[in-house]
Amino acid sequence: MTPEPVNPQNHLPENGEPANLPSLPGPEATQMPHPAPSPRRSGKPWQFKLLSISFALFCLEVGAFLIIFPQQDSWNLNYFSGLSPWMQDIWDAAYFRWAVSGIGFLNVYVAFLQIRNLFRSNE
């Protein structure tokens, strides 16, 4: 048995007019009501402060290492300096050592900016 095709005329009421179908909601019905504003606490949560201090200490430690270590004699005693002769020349060059130290200075600068911004937000 095959189903009969749907004829829109079969679904009309006896008076010939379309049935009252529920209307789609307008734009005013689809907008969500605004929630009541929550009371704000002064300052930032302690987790944010702890994360900021941890990030600043991490940057300070990495920066100090990158400033000091390239100037030490033990700088040449590693895996990368012995990979190839041209890499040995680059690794021993003073400009490369100071470029790595420059990245260390940037890390220290970021650490101080982080600490300064943390204390400014408390004011």
PDB file of N, CA and C in Angstrom:
ATOM      1  N   MET A   1       0.846  -1.166   0.000  1.00  0.00           N
ATOM      2  CA  MET A   1       0.000   0.000   0.000  1.00  0.00           C
ATOM      3  C   MET A   1       0.896   1.235   0.000  1.00  0.00           C
ATOM      4  N   THR A   2       0.630   2.124  -0.922  1.00  0.00           N
ATOM      5  CA  THR A   2       1.419   3.348  -1.005  1.00  0.00           C
ATOM      6  C   THR A   2       0.648   4.491  -0.359  1.00  0.00           C
ATOM      7  N   PRO A   3       1.383   5.355   0.339  1.00  0.00           N
ATOM      8  CA  PRO A   3       0.679   6.491   0.959  1.00  0.00           C
ATOM      9  C   PRO A   3       0.191   7.455  -0.103  1.00  0.00           C
ATOM     10  N   GLU A   4      -0.920   8.103   0.183  1.00  0.00           N
ATOM     11  CA  GLU A   4      -1.470   9.083  -0.750  1.00  0.00           C
ATOM     12  C   GLU A   4      -0.655  10.360  -0.689  1.00  0.00           C
ATOM     13  N   PRO A   5      -0.452  11.014  -1.831  1.00  0.00           N
ATOM     14  CA  PRO A   5       0.280  12.278  -1.802  1.00  0.00           C
ATOM     15  C   PRO A   5      -0.526  13.323  -1.031  1.00  0.00           C
ATOM     16  N   VAL A   6       0.215  14.177  -0.366  1.00  0.00           N
ATOM     17  CA  VAL A   6      -0.446  15.196   0.443  1.00  0.00           C
ATOM     18  C   VAL A   6      -0.936  16.305  -0.473  1.00  0.00           C
ATOM     19  N   ASN A   7      -2.209  16.583  -0.374  1.00  0.00           N
ATOM     20  CA  ASN A   7      -2.825  17.643  -1.158  1.00  0.00           C
ATOM     21  C   ASN A   7      -3.200  18.749  -0.181  1.00  0.00           C
ATOM     22  N   PRO A   8      -2.706  19.970  -0.397  1.00  0.00           N
ATOM     23  CA  PRO A   8      -3.038  21.041   0.534  1.00  0.00           C
ATOM     24  C   PRO A   8      -4.540  21.301   0.600  1.00  0.00           C
ATOM     25  N   GLN A   9      -5.279  20.989  -0.462  1.00  0.00           N
ATOM     26  CA  GLN A   9      -6.718  21.210  -0.441  1.00  0.00           C
ATOM     27  C   GLN A   9      -7.405  20.284   0.564  1.00  0.00           C
ATOM     28  N   ASN A  10      -6.794  19.123   0.822  1.00  0.00           N
ATOM     29  CA  ASN A  10      -7.384  18.185   1.762  1.00  0.00           C
ATOM     30  C   ASN A  10      -7.299  18.706   3.197  1.00  0.00           C
ATOM     31  N   HIS A  11      -6.366  19.590   3.480  1.00  0.00           N
ATOM     32  CA  HIS A  11      -6.145  20.076   4.839  1.00  0.00           C
ATOM     33  C   HIS A  11      -6.853  21.397   5.110  1.00  0.00           C
ATOM     34  N   LEU A  12      -7.644  21.874   4.171  1.00  0.00           N
ATOM     35  CA  LEU A  12      -8.377  23.113   4.393  1.00  0.00           C
ATOM     36  C   LEU A  12      -9.666  22.813   5.145  1.00  0.00           C
ATOM     37  N   PRO A  13     -10.082  23.725   6.009  1.00  0.00           N
ATOM     38  CA  PRO A  13     -11.385  23.536   6.662  1.00  0.00           C
ATOM     39  C   PRO A  13     -12.505  23.607   5.632  1.00  0.00           C
ATOM     40  N   GLU A  14     -13.680  23.321   6.064  1.00  0.00           N
ATOM     41  CA  GLU A  14     -14.820  23.249   5.152  1.00  0.00           C
ATOM     42  C   GLU A  14     -15.154  24.580   4.508  1.00  0.00           C
ATOM     43  N   ASN A  15     -14.815  25.713   5.172  1.00  0.00           N
ATOM     44  CA  ASN A  15     -15.137  27.004   4.562  1.00  0.00           C
ATOM     45  C   ASN A  15     -14.109  27.410   3.520  1.00  0.00           C
ATOM     46  N   GLY A  16     -13.016  26.636   3.328  1.00  0.00           N
ATOM     47  CA  GLY A  16     -12.064  26.924   2.276  1.00  0.00           C
ATOM     48  C   GLY A  16     -10.923  27.833   2.709  1.00  0.00           C
ATOM     49  N   GLU A  17     -10.970  28.342   3.917  1.00  0.00           N
ATOM     50  CA  GLU A  17      -9.875  29.203   4.372  1.00  0.00           C
ATOM     51  C   GLU A  17      -8.844  28.363   5.114  1.00  0.00           C
ATOM     52  N   PRO A  18      -7.586  28.793   5.094  1.00  0.00           N
ATOM     53  CA  PRO A  18      -6.558  28.030   5.796  1.00  0.00           C
ATOM     54  C   PRO A  18      -6.814  28.048   7.302  1.00  0.00           C
ATOM     55  N   ALA A  19      -6.441  26.997   7.932  1.00  0.00           N
ATOM     56  CA  ALA A  19      -6.615  26.896   9.384  1.00  0.00           C
ATOM     57  C   ALA A  19      -5.729  27.918  10.077  1.00  0.00           C
ATOM     58  N   ASN A  20      -6.132  28.349  11.242  1.00  0.00           N
ATOM     59  CA  ASN A  20      -5.315  29.288  12.016  1.00  0.00           C
ATOM     60  C   ASN A  20      -4.089  28.552  12.568  1.00  0.00           C
ATOM     61  N   LEU A  21      -2.994  28.846  11.962  1.00  0.00           N
ATOM     62  CA  LEU A  21      -1.738  28.248  12.405  1.00  0.00           C
ATOM     63  C   LEU A  21      -1.083  29.188  13.413  1.00  0.00           C
ATOM     64  N   PRO A  22      -0.340  28.653  14.332  1.00  0.00           N
ATOM     65  CA  PRO A  22       0.344  29.541  15.275  1.00  0.00           C
ATOM     66  C   PRO A  22       1.357  30.401  14.536  1.00  0.00           C
ATOM     67  N   SER A  23       1.382  31.657  14.843  1.00  0.00           N
ATOM     68  CA  SER A  23       2.294  32.574  14.157  1.00  0.00           C
ATOM     69  C   SER A  23       3.686  32.461  14.761  1.00  0.00           C
ATOM     70  N   LEU A  24       4.640  32.772  13.953  1.00  0.00           N
ATOM     71  CA  LEU A  24       6.022  32.765  14.418  1.00  0.00           C
ATOM     72  C   LEU A  24       6.246  33.975  15.313  1.00  0.00           C
ATOM     73  N   PRO A  25       7.081  33.832  16.304  1.00  0.00           N
ATOM     74  CA  PRO A  25       7.320  34.984  17.182  1.00  0.00           C
ATOM     75  C   PRO A  25       8.039  36.092  16.440  1.00  0.00           C
ATOM     76  N   GLY A  26       7.698  37.306  16.759  1.00  0.00           N
ATOM     77  CA  GLY A  26       8.339  38.470  16.153  1.00  0.00           C
ATOM     78  C   GLY A  26       9.683  38.752  16.811  1.00  0.00           C
ATOM     79  N   PRO A  27      10.362  39.802  16.377  1.00  0.00           N
ATOM     80  CA  PRO A  27      11.681  40.107  16.931  1.00  0.00           C
ATOM     81  C   PRO A  27      11.630  40.431  18.424  1.00  0.00           C
ATOM     82  N   GLU A  28      10.512  40.980  18.879  1.00  0.00           N
ATOM     83  CA  GLU A  28      10.438  41.317  20.305  1.00  0.00           C
ATOM     84  C   GLU A  28      10.345  40.070  21.171  1.00  0.00           C
ATOM     85  N   ALA A  29       9.840  38.972  20.615  1.00  0.00           N
ATOM     86  CA  ALA A  29       9.722  37.750  21.395  1.00  0.00           C
ATOM     87  C   ALA A  29      11.036  36.976  21.436  1.00  0.00           C
ATOM     88  N   THR A  30      11.921  37.199  20.474  1.00  0.00           N
ATOM     89  CA  THR A  30      13.167  36.445  20.435  1.00  0.00           C
ATOM     90  C   THR A  30      14.263  37.096  21.263  1.00  0.00           C
ATOM     91  N   GLN A  31      14.101  38.310  21.694  1.00  0.00           N
ATOM     92  CA  GLN A  31      15.131  38.980  22.489  1.00  0.00           C
ATOM     93  C   GLN A  31      15.057  38.485  23.924  1.00  0.00           C
ATOM     94  N   MET A  32      16.234  38.190  24.445  1.00  0.00           N
ATOM     95  CA  MET A  32      16.314  37.709  25.816  1.00  0.00           C
ATOM     96  C   MET A  32      16.270  38.908  26.764  1.00  0.00           C
ATOM     97  N   PRO A  33      15.606  38.773  27.876  1.00  0.00           N
ATOM     98  CA  PRO A  33      15.622  39.875  28.839  1.00  0.00           C
ATOM     99  C   PRO A  33      17.013  40.021  29.429  1.00  0.00           C
ATOM    100  N   HIS A  34      17.386  41.257  29.725  1.00  0.00           N
ATOM    101  CA  HIS A  34      18.702  41.525  30.283  1.00  0.00           C
ATOM    102  C   HIS A  34      18.729  41.104  31.744  1.00  0.00           C
ATOM    103  N   PRO A  35      19.770  40.367  32.140  1.00  0.00           N
ATOM    104  CA  PRO A  35      19.844  39.973  33.547  1.00  0.00           C
ATOM    105  C   PRO A  35      20.158  41.175  34.427  1.00  0.00           C
ATOM    106  N   ALA A  36      19.792  41.068  35.660  1.00  0.00           N
ATOM    107  CA  ALA A  36      20.070  42.149  36.596  1.00  0.00           C
ATOM    108  C   ALA A  36      21.578  42.256  36.786  1.00  0.00           C
ATOM    109  N   PRO A  37      22.112  43.473  36.839  1.00  0.00           N
ATOM    110  CA  PRO A  37      23.558  43.615  37.009  1.00  0.00           C
ATOM    111  C   PRO A  37      23.992  43.063  38.367  1.00  0.00           C
ATOM    112  N   SER A  38      25.087  42.325  38.345  1.00  0.00           N
ATOM    113  CA  SER A  38      25.587  41.751  39.586  1.00  0.00           C
ATOM    114  C   SER A  38      26.473  42.780  40.290  1.00  0.00           C
ATOM    115  N   PRO A  39      26.480  42.780  41.595  1.00  0.00           N
ATOM    116  CA  PRO A  39      27.328  43.736  42.302  1.00  0.00           C
ATOM    117  C   PRO A  39      28.792  43.402  42.055  1.00  0.00           C
ATOM    118  N   ARG A  40      29.581  44.416  41.752  1.00  0.00           N
ATOM    119  CA  ARG A  40      30.988  44.214  41.451  1.00  0.00           C
ATOM    120  C   ARG A  40      31.825  44.385  42.708  1.00  0.00           C
ATOM    121  N   ARG A  41      32.797  43.515  42.801  1.00  0.00           N
ATOM    122  CA  ARG A  41      33.730  43.637  43.905  1.00  0.00           C
ATOM    123  C   ARG A  41      34.867  44.551  43.484  1.00  0.00           C
ATOM    124  N   SER A  42      35.397  45.272  44.430  1.00  0.00           N
ATOM    125  CA  SER A  42      36.537  46.121  44.111  1.00  0.00           C
ATOM    126  C   SER A  42      37.772  45.245  44.025  1.00  0.00           C
ATOM    127  N   GLY A  43      38.650  45.539  43.091  1.00  0.00           N
ATOM    128  CA  GLY A  43      39.865  44.762  42.935  1.00  0.00           C
ATOM    129  C   GLY A  43      39.638  43.526  42.097  1.00  0.00           C
ATOM    130  N   LYS A  44      40.691  42.737  41.976  1.00  0.00           N
ATOM    131  CA  LYS A  44      40.630  41.517  41.182  1.00  0.00           C
ATOM    132  C   LYS A  44      40.660  40.316  42.120  1.00  0.00           C
ATOM    133  N   PRO A  45      40.154  39.178  41.663  1.00  0.00           N
ATOM    134  CA  PRO A  45      40.156  38.006  42.536  1.00  0.00           C
ATOM    135  C   PRO A  45      41.583  37.562  42.861  1.00  0.00           C
ATOM    136  N   TRP A  46      41.742  36.876  43.975  1.00  0.00           N
ATOM    137  CA  TRP A  46      43.069  36.488  44.429  1.00  0.00           C
ATOM    138  C   TRP A  46      43.726  35.502  43.477  1.00  0.00           C
ATOM    139  N   GLN A  47      42.947  34.723  42.705  1.00  0.00           N
ATOM    140  CA  GLN A  47      43.542  33.787  41.755  1.00  0.00           C
ATOM    141  C   GLN A  47      44.253  34.547  40.637  1.00  0.00           C
ATOM    142  N   PHE A  48      43.643  35.654  40.214  1.00  0.00           N
ATOM    143  CA  PHE A  48      44.265  36.466  39.165  1.00  0.00           C
ATOM    144  C   PHE A  48      45.558  37.079  39.672  1.00  0.00           C
ATOM    145  N   LYS A  49      45.550  37.547  40.910  1.00  0.00           N
ATOM    146  CA  LYS A  49      46.765  38.144  41.477  1.00  0.00           C
ATOM    147  C   LYS A  49      47.862  37.103  41.622  1.00  0.00           C
ATOM    148  N   LEU A  50      47.495  35.913  42.073  1.00  0.00           N
ATOM    149  CA  LEU A  50      48.480  34.850  42.224  1.00  0.00           C
ATOM    150  C   LEU A  50      49.062  34.455  40.874  1.00  0.00           C
ATOM    151  N   LEU A  51      48.226  34.368  39.852  1.00  0.00           N
ATOM    152  CA  LEU A  51      48.693  34.040  38.508  1.00  0.00           C
ATOM    153  C   LEU A  51      49.617  35.133  37.975  1.00  0.00           C
ATOM    154  N   SER A  52      49.290  36.383  38.223  1.00  0.00           N
ATOM    155  CA  SER A  52      50.126  37.489  37.762  1.00  0.00           C
ATOM    156  C   SER A  52      51.490  37.467  38.433  1.00  0.00           C
ATOM    157  N   ILE A  53      51.500  37.222  39.736  1.00  0.00           N
ATOM    158  CA  ILE A  53      52.773  37.171  40.453  1.00  0.00           C
ATOM    159  C   ILE A  53      53.596  35.972  39.978  1.00  0.00           C
ATOM    160  N   SER A  54      52.957  34.836  39.759  1.00  0.00           N
ATOM    161  CA  SER A  54      53.678  33.651  39.272  1.00  0.00           C
ATOM    162  C   SER A  54      54.264  33.894  37.887  1.00  0.00           C
ATOM    163  N   PHE A  55      53.498  34.533  37.016  1.00  0.00           N
ATOM    164  CA  PHE A  55      53.993  34.842  35.670  1.00  0.00           C
ATOM    165  C   PHE A  55      55.166  35.814  35.742  1.00  0.00           C
ATOM    166  N   ALA A  56      55.077  36.813  36.611  1.00  0.00           N
ATOM    167  CA  ALA A  56      56.160  37.784  36.748  1.00  0.00           C
ATOM    168  C   ALA A  56      57.428  37.106  37.272  1.00  0.00           C
ATOM    169  N   LEU A  57      57.296  36.223  38.246  1.00  0.00           N
ATOM    170  CA  LEU A  57      58.464  35.511  38.765  1.00  0.00           C
ATOM    171  C   LEU A  57      59.075  34.595  37.707  1.00  0.00           C
ATOM    172  N   PHE A  58      58.231  33.939  36.936  1.00  0.00           N
ATOM    173  CA  PHE A  58      58.727  33.079  35.863  1.00  0.00           C
ATOM    174  C   PHE A  58      59.515  33.901  34.840  1.00  0.00           C
ATOM    175  N   CYS A  59      58.963  35.028  34.418  1.00  0.00           N
ATOM    176  CA  CYS A  59      59.651  35.879  33.442  1.00  0.00           C
ATOM    177  C   CYS A  59      60.958  36.410  34.013  1.00  0.00           C
ATOM    178  N   LEU A  60      60.956  36.757  35.295  1.00  0.00           N
ATOM    179  CA  LEU A  60      62.161  37.276  35.936  1.00  0.00           C
ATOM    180  C   LEU A  60      63.249  36.200  35.988  1.00  0.00           C
ATOM    181  N   GLU A  61      62.889  34.977  36.334  1.00  0.00           N
ATOM    182  CA  GLU A  61      63.870  33.894  36.402  1.00  0.00           C
ATOM    183  C   GLU A  61      64.421  33.535  35.020  1.00  0.00           C
ATOM    184  N   VAL A  62      63.545  33.416  34.051  1.00  0.00           N
ATOM    185  CA  VAL A  62      64.005  33.090  32.700  1.00  0.00           C
ATOM    186  C   VAL A  62      64.878  34.224  32.164  1.00  0.00           C
ATOM    187  N   GLY A  63      64.469  35.468  32.418  1.00  0.00           N
ATOM    188  CA  GLY A  63      65.257  36.602  31.961  1.00  0.00           C
ATOM    189  C   GLY A  63      66.638  36.640  32.589  1.00  0.00           C
ATOM    190  N   ALA A  64      66.719  36.398  33.889  1.00  0.00           N
ATOM    191  CA  ALA A  64      68.022  36.392  34.558  1.00  0.00           C
ATOM    192  C   ALA A  64      68.910  35.288  33.991  1.00  0.00           C
ATOM    193  N   PHE A  65      68.323  34.123  33.746  1.00  0.00           N
ATOM    194  CA  PHE A  65      69.109  33.032  33.155  1.00  0.00           C
ATOM    195  C   PHE A  65      69.610  33.416  31.763  1.00  0.00           C
ATOM    196  N   LEU A  66      68.735  33.989  30.942  1.00  0.00           N
ATOM    197  CA  LEU A  66      69.136  34.341  29.574  1.00  0.00           C
ATOM    198  C   LEU A  66      70.123  35.505  29.535  1.00  0.00           C
ATOM    199  N   ILE A  67      70.150  36.319  30.548  1.00  0.00           N
ATOM    200  CA  ILE A  67      71.130  37.408  30.595  1.00  0.00           C
ATOM    201  C   ILE A  67      72.501  36.869  31.004  1.00  0.00           C
ATOM    202  N   ILE A  68      72.527  36.002  31.995  1.00  0.00           N
ATOM    203  CA  ILE A  68      73.801  35.569  32.584  1.00  0.00           C
ATOM    204  C   ILE A  68      74.432  34.403  31.832  1.00  0.00           C
ATOM    205  N   PHE A  69      73.664  33.374  31.505  1.00  0.00           N
ATOM    206  CA  PHE A  69      74.241  32.142  30.986  1.00  0.00           C
ATOM    207  C   PHE A  69      75.001  32.299  29.663  1.00  0.00           C
ATOM    208  N   PRO A  70      74.547  33.071  28.684  1.00  0.00           N
ATOM    209  CA  PRO A  70      75.326  33.167  27.442  1.00  0.00           C
ATOM    210  C   PRO A  70      76.723  33.766  27.629  1.00  0.00           C
ATOM    211  N   GLN A  71      76.948  34.474  28.716  1.00  0.00           N
ATOM    212  CA  GLN A  71      78.264  35.084  28.938  1.00  0.00           C
ATOM    213  C   GLN A  71      79.206  34.155  29.708  1.00  0.00           C
ATOM    214  N   GLN A  72      78.732  33.000  30.136  1.00  0.00           N
ATOM    215  CA  GLN A  72      79.546  32.038  30.887  1.00  0.00           C
ATOM    216  C   GLN A  72      80.351  31.153  29.932  1.00  0.00           C
ATOM    217  N   ASP A  73      81.412  30.546  30.473  1.00  0.00           N
ATOM    218  CA  ASP A  73      82.227  29.628  29.677  1.00  0.00           C
ATOM    219  C   ASP A  73      81.467  28.340  29.356  1.00  0.00           C
ATOM    220  N   SER A  74      80.519  27.979  30.199  1.00  0.00           N
ATOM    221  CA  SER A  74      79.770  26.739  29.967  1.00  0.00           C
ATOM    222  C   SER A  74      78.739  26.877  28.839  1.00  0.00           C
ATOM    223  N   TRP A  75      78.641  28.035  28.216  1.00  0.00           N
ATOM    224  CA  TRP A  75      77.722  28.253  27.102  1.00  0.00           C
ATOM    225  C   TRP A  75      78.019  27.304  25.940  1.00  0.00           C
ATOM    226  N   ASN A  76      79.296  26.974  25.713  1.00  0.00           N
ATOM    227  CA  ASN A  76      79.676  26.138  24.569  1.00  0.00           C
ATOM    228  C   ASN A  76      79.496  24.655  24.826  1.00  0.00           C
ATOM    229  N   LEU A  77      79.228  24.259  26.047  1.00  0.00           N
ATOM    230  CA  LEU A  77      79.121  22.844  26.389  1.00  0.00           C
ATOM    231  C   LEU A  77      77.668  22.383  26.281  1.00  0.00           C
ATOM    232  N   ASN A  78      77.188  22.241  25.069  1.00  0.00           N
ATOM    233  CA  ASN A  78      75.815  21.787  24.871  1.00  0.00           C
ATOM    234  C   ASN A  78      75.695  21.045  23.541  1.00  0.00           C
ATOM    235  N   TYR A  79      74.556  20.522  23.304  1.00  0.00           N
ATOM    236  CA  TYR A  79      74.289  19.709  22.122  1.00  0.00           C
ATOM    237  C   TYR A  79      74.297  20.538  20.840  1.00  0.00           C
ATOM    238  N   PHE A  80      73.712  21.724  20.868  1.00  0.00           N
ATOM    239  CA  PHE A  80      73.509  22.508  19.650  1.00  0.00           C
ATOM    240  C   PHE A  80      74.807  23.055  19.070  1.00  0.00           C
ATOM    241  N   SER A  81      75.765  23.366  19.931  1.00  0.00           N
ATOM    242  CA  SER A  81      76.997  23.952  19.413  1.00  0.00           C
ATOM    243  C   SER A  81      77.822  22.949  18.619  1.00  0.00           C
ATOM    244  N   GLY A  82      77.638  21.658  18.843  1.00  0.00           N
ATOM    245  CA  GLY A  82      78.429  20.662  18.137  1.00  0.00           C
ATOM    246  C   GLY A  82      77.733  20.019  16.959  1.00  0.00           C
ATOM    247  N   LEU A  83      76.583  20.497  16.547  1.00  0.00           N
ATOM    248  CA  LEU A  83      75.860  19.865  15.442  1.00  0.00           C
ATOM    249  C   LEU A  83      76.596  19.993  14.115  1.00  0.00           C
ATOM    250  N   SER A  84      77.087  21.151  13.802  1.00  0.00           N
ATOM    251  CA  SER A  84      77.804  21.348  12.534  1.00  0.00           C
ATOM    252  C   SER A  84      78.788  22.506  12.711  1.00  0.00           C
ATOM    253  N   PRO A  85      79.776  22.577  11.840  1.00  0.00           N
ATOM    254  CA  PRO A  85      80.787  23.646  11.990  1.00  0.00           C
ATOM    255  C   PRO A  85      80.202  25.057  11.845  1.00  0.00           C
ATOM    256  N   TRP A  86      79.267  25.235  10.923  1.00  0.00           N
ATOM    257  CA  TRP A  86      78.721  26.586  10.766  1.00  0.00           C
ATOM    258  C   TRP A  86      77.878  26.978  11.972  1.00  0.00           C
ATOM    259  N   MET A  87      77.242  25.996  12.620  1.00  0.00           N
ATOM    260  CA  MET A  87      76.463  26.302  13.816  1.00  0.00           C
ATOM    261  C   MET A  87      77.394  26.632  14.984  1.00  0.00           C
ATOM    262  N   GLN A  88      78.566  25.999  15.022  1.00  0.00           N
ATOM    263  CA  GLN A  88      79.548  26.306  16.064  1.00  0.00           C
ATOM    264  C   GLN A  88      80.000  27.751  15.945  1.00  0.00           C
ATOM    265  N   ASP A  89      80.190  28.213  14.734  1.00  0.00           N
ATOM    266  CA  ASP A  89      80.620  29.603  14.534  1.00  0.00           C
ATOM    267  C   ASP A  89      79.546  30.587  14.991  1.00  0.00           C
ATOM    268  N   ILE A  90      78.297  30.292  14.681  1.00  0.00           N
ATOM    269  CA  ILE A  90      77.202  31.173  15.094  1.00  0.00           C
ATOM    270  C   ILE A  90      77.049  31.141  16.608  1.00  0.00           C
ATOM    271  N   TRP A  91      77.140  29.951  17.185  1.00  0.00           N
ATOM    272  CA  TRP A  91      76.940  29.795  18.630  1.00  0.00           C
ATOM    273  C   TRP A  91      78.011  30.542  19.432  1.00  0.00           C
ATOM    274  N   ASP A  92      79.239  30.581  18.914  1.00  0.00           N
ATOM    275  CA  ASP A  92      80.345  31.237  19.624  1.00  0.00           C
ATOM    276  C   ASP A  92      80.398  32.739  19.375  1.00  0.00           C
ATOM    277  N   ALA A  93      79.674  33.242  18.391  1.00  0.00           N
ATOM    278  CA  ALA A  93      79.747  34.658  18.053  1.00  0.00           C
ATOM    279  C   ALA A  93      79.182  35.518  19.184  1.00  0.00           C
ATOM    280  N   ALA A  94      79.827  36.632  19.421  1.00  0.00           N
ATOM    281  CA  ALA A  94      79.405  37.535  20.504  1.00  0.00           C
ATOM    282  C   ALA A  94      78.037  38.144  20.210  1.00  0.00           C
ATOM    283  N   TYR A  95      77.754  38.425  18.942  1.00  0.00           N
ATOM    284  CA  TYR A  95      76.460  39.036  18.631  1.00  0.00           C
ATOM    285  C   TYR A  95      75.301  38.082  18.945  1.00  0.00           C
ATOM    286  N   PHE A  96      75.507  36.782  18.735  1.00  0.00           N
ATOM    287  CA  PHE A  96      74.463  35.816  19.052  1.00  0.00           C
ATOM    288  C   PHE A  96      74.273  35.707  20.560  1.00  0.00           C
ATOM    289  N   ARG A  97      75.380  35.698  21.308  1.00  0.00           N
ATOM    290  CA  ARG A  97      75.275  35.645  22.766  1.00  0.00           C
ATOM    291  C   ARG A  97      74.537  36.866  23.301  1.00  0.00           C
ATOM    292  N   TRP A  98      74.845  38.034  22.772  1.00  0.00           N
ATOM    293  CA  TRP A  98      74.171  39.241  23.256  1.00  0.00           C
ATOM    294  C   TRP A  98      72.733  39.328  22.762  1.00  0.00           C
ATOM    295  N   ALA A  99      72.442  38.706  21.639  1.00  0.00           N
ATOM    296  CA  ALA A  99      71.044  38.655  21.192  1.00  0.00           C
ATOM    297  C   ALA A  99      70.223  37.802  22.155  1.00  0.00           C
ATOM    298  N   VAL A 100      70.780  36.689  22.609  1.00  0.00           N
ATOM    299  CA  VAL A 100      70.081  35.863  23.589  1.00  0.00           C
ATOM    300  C   VAL A 100      69.952  36.630  24.902  1.00  0.00           C
ATOM    301  N   SER A 101      70.988  37.354  25.289  1.00  0.00           N
ATOM    302  CA  SER A 101      70.907  38.177  26.504  1.00  0.00           C
ATOM    303  C   SER A 101      69.868  39.281  26.338  1.00  0.00           C
ATOM    304  N   GLY A 102      69.719  39.812  25.134  1.00  0.00           N
ATOM    305  CA  GLY A 102      68.692  40.827  24.877  1.00  0.00           C
ATOM    306  C   GLY A 102      67.295  40.276  25.084  1.00  0.00           C
ATOM    307  N   ILE A 103      67.080  39.025  24.706  1.00  0.00           N
ATOM    308  CA  ILE A 103      65.787  38.388  24.979  1.00  0.00           C
ATOM    309  C   ILE A 103      65.587  38.274  26.486  1.00  0.00           C
ATOM    310  N   GLY A 104      66.660  38.030  27.206  1.00  0.00           N
ATOM    311  CA  GLY A 104      66.574  37.987  28.662  1.00  0.00           C
ATOM    312  C   GLY A 104      66.185  39.335  29.248  1.00  0.00           C
ATOM    313  N   PHE A 105      66.755  40.416  28.702  1.00  0.00           N
ATOM    314  CA  PHE A 105      66.371  41.755  29.175  1.00  0.00           C
ATOM    315  C   PHE A 105      64.893  42.032  28.897  1.00  0.00           C
ATOM    316  N   LEU A 106      64.397  41.559  27.760  1.00  0.00           N
ATOM    317  CA  LEU A 106      62.969  41.718  27.462  1.00  0.00           C
ATOM    318  C   LEU A 106      62.104  40.957  28.467  1.00  0.00           C
ATOM    319  N   ASN A 107      62.544  39.775  28.861  1.00  0.00           N
ATOM    320  CA  ASN A 107      61.794  39.009  29.859  1.00  0.00           C
ATOM    321  C   ASN A 107      61.755  39.736  31.194  1.00  0.00           C
ATOM    322  N   VAL A 108      62.872  40.317  31.600  1.00  0.00           N
ATOM    323  CA  VAL A 108      62.902  41.056  32.868  1.00  0.00           C
ATOM    324  C   VAL A 108      61.989  42.273  32.770  1.00  0.00           C
ATOM    325  N   TYR A 109      62.004  42.945  31.627  1.00  0.00           N
ATOM    326  CA  TYR A 109      61.131  44.106  31.422  1.00  0.00           C
ATOM    327  C   TYR A 109      59.653  43.710  31.515  1.00  0.00           C
ATOM    328  N   VAL A 110      59.288  42.594  30.903  1.00  0.00           N
ATOM    329  CA  VAL A 110      57.902  42.113  30.977  1.00  0.00           C
ATOM    330  C   VAL A 110      57.527  41.792  32.419  1.00  0.00           C
ATOM    331  N   ALA A 111      58.459  41.224  33.176  1.00  0.00           N
ATOM    332  CA  ALA A 111      58.186  40.902  34.585  1.00  0.00           C
ATOM    333  C   ALA A 111      57.907  42.172  35.377  1.00  0.00           C
ATOM    334  N   PHE A 112      58.717  43.206  35.177  1.00  0.00           N
ATOM    335  CA  PHE A 112      58.486  44.458  35.900  1.00  0.00           C
ATOM    336  C   PHE A 112      57.184  45.140  35.469  1.00  0.00           C
ATOM    337  N   LEU A 113      56.843  45.060  34.193  1.00  0.00           N
ATOM    338  CA  LEU A 113      55.568  45.612  33.742  1.00  0.00           C
ATOM    339  C   LEU A 113      54.393  44.873  34.382  1.00  0.00           C
ATOM    340  N   GLN A 114      54.508  43.574  34.495  1.00  0.00           N
ATOM    341  CA  GLN A 114      53.440  42.777  35.098  1.00  0.00           C
ATOM    342  C   GLN A 114      53.252  43.145  36.564  1.00  0.00           C
ATOM    343  N   ILE A 115      54.340  43.292  37.272  1.00  0.00           N
ATOM    344  CA  ILE A 115      54.253  43.665  38.696  1.00  0.00           C
ATOM    345  C   ILE A 115      53.695  45.075  38.837  1.00  0.00           C
ATOM    346  N   ARG A 116      54.156  45.998  37.997  1.00  0.00           N
ATOM    347  CA  ARG A 116      53.657  47.374  38.059  1.00  0.00           C
ATOM    348  C   ARG A 116      52.155  47.431  37.777  1.00  0.00           C
ATOM    349  N   ASN A 117      51.692  46.708  36.776  1.00  0.00           N
ATOM    350  CA  ASN A 117      50.268  46.705  36.453  1.00  0.00           C
ATOM    351  C   ASN A 117      49.446  46.058  37.559  1.00  0.00           C
ATOM    352  N   LEU A 118      50.017  45.093  38.225  1.00  0.00           N
ATOM    353  CA  LEU A 118      49.309  44.455  39.342  1.00  0.00           C
ATOM    354  C   LEU A 118      49.106  45.427  40.481  1.00  0.00           C
ATOM    355  N   PHE A 119      50.131  46.202  40.806  1.00  0.00           N
ATOM    356  CA  PHE A 119      50.002  47.161  41.899  1.00  0.00           C
ATOM    357  C   PHE A 119      49.159  48.380  41.498  1.00  0.00           C
ATOM    358  N   ARG A 120      49.180  48.738  40.227  1.00  0.00           N
ATOM    359  CA  ARG A 120      48.338  49.862  39.774  1.00  0.00           C
ATOM    360  C   ARG A 120      46.852  49.503  39.827  1.00  0.00           C
ATOM    361  N   SER A 121      46.539  48.247  39.585  1.00  0.00           N
ATOM    362  CA  SER A 121      45.133  47.846  39.585  1.00  0.00           C
ATOM    363  C   SER A 121      44.578  47.817  40.994  1.00  0.00           C
ATOM    364  N   ASN A 122      45.421  47.769  42.006  1.00  0.00           N
ATOM    365  CA  ASN A 122      44.965  47.764  43.388  1.00  0.00           C
ATOM    366  C   ASN A 122      44.622  49.164  43.891  1.00  0.00           C
ATOM    367  N   GLU A 123      45.088  50.176  43.209  1.00  0.00           N
ATOM    368  CA  GLU A 123      44.848  51.552  43.669  1.00  0.00           C
ATOM    369  C   GLU A 123      43.426  51.989  43.461  1.00  0.00           C
TER     370      GLU A 123
END
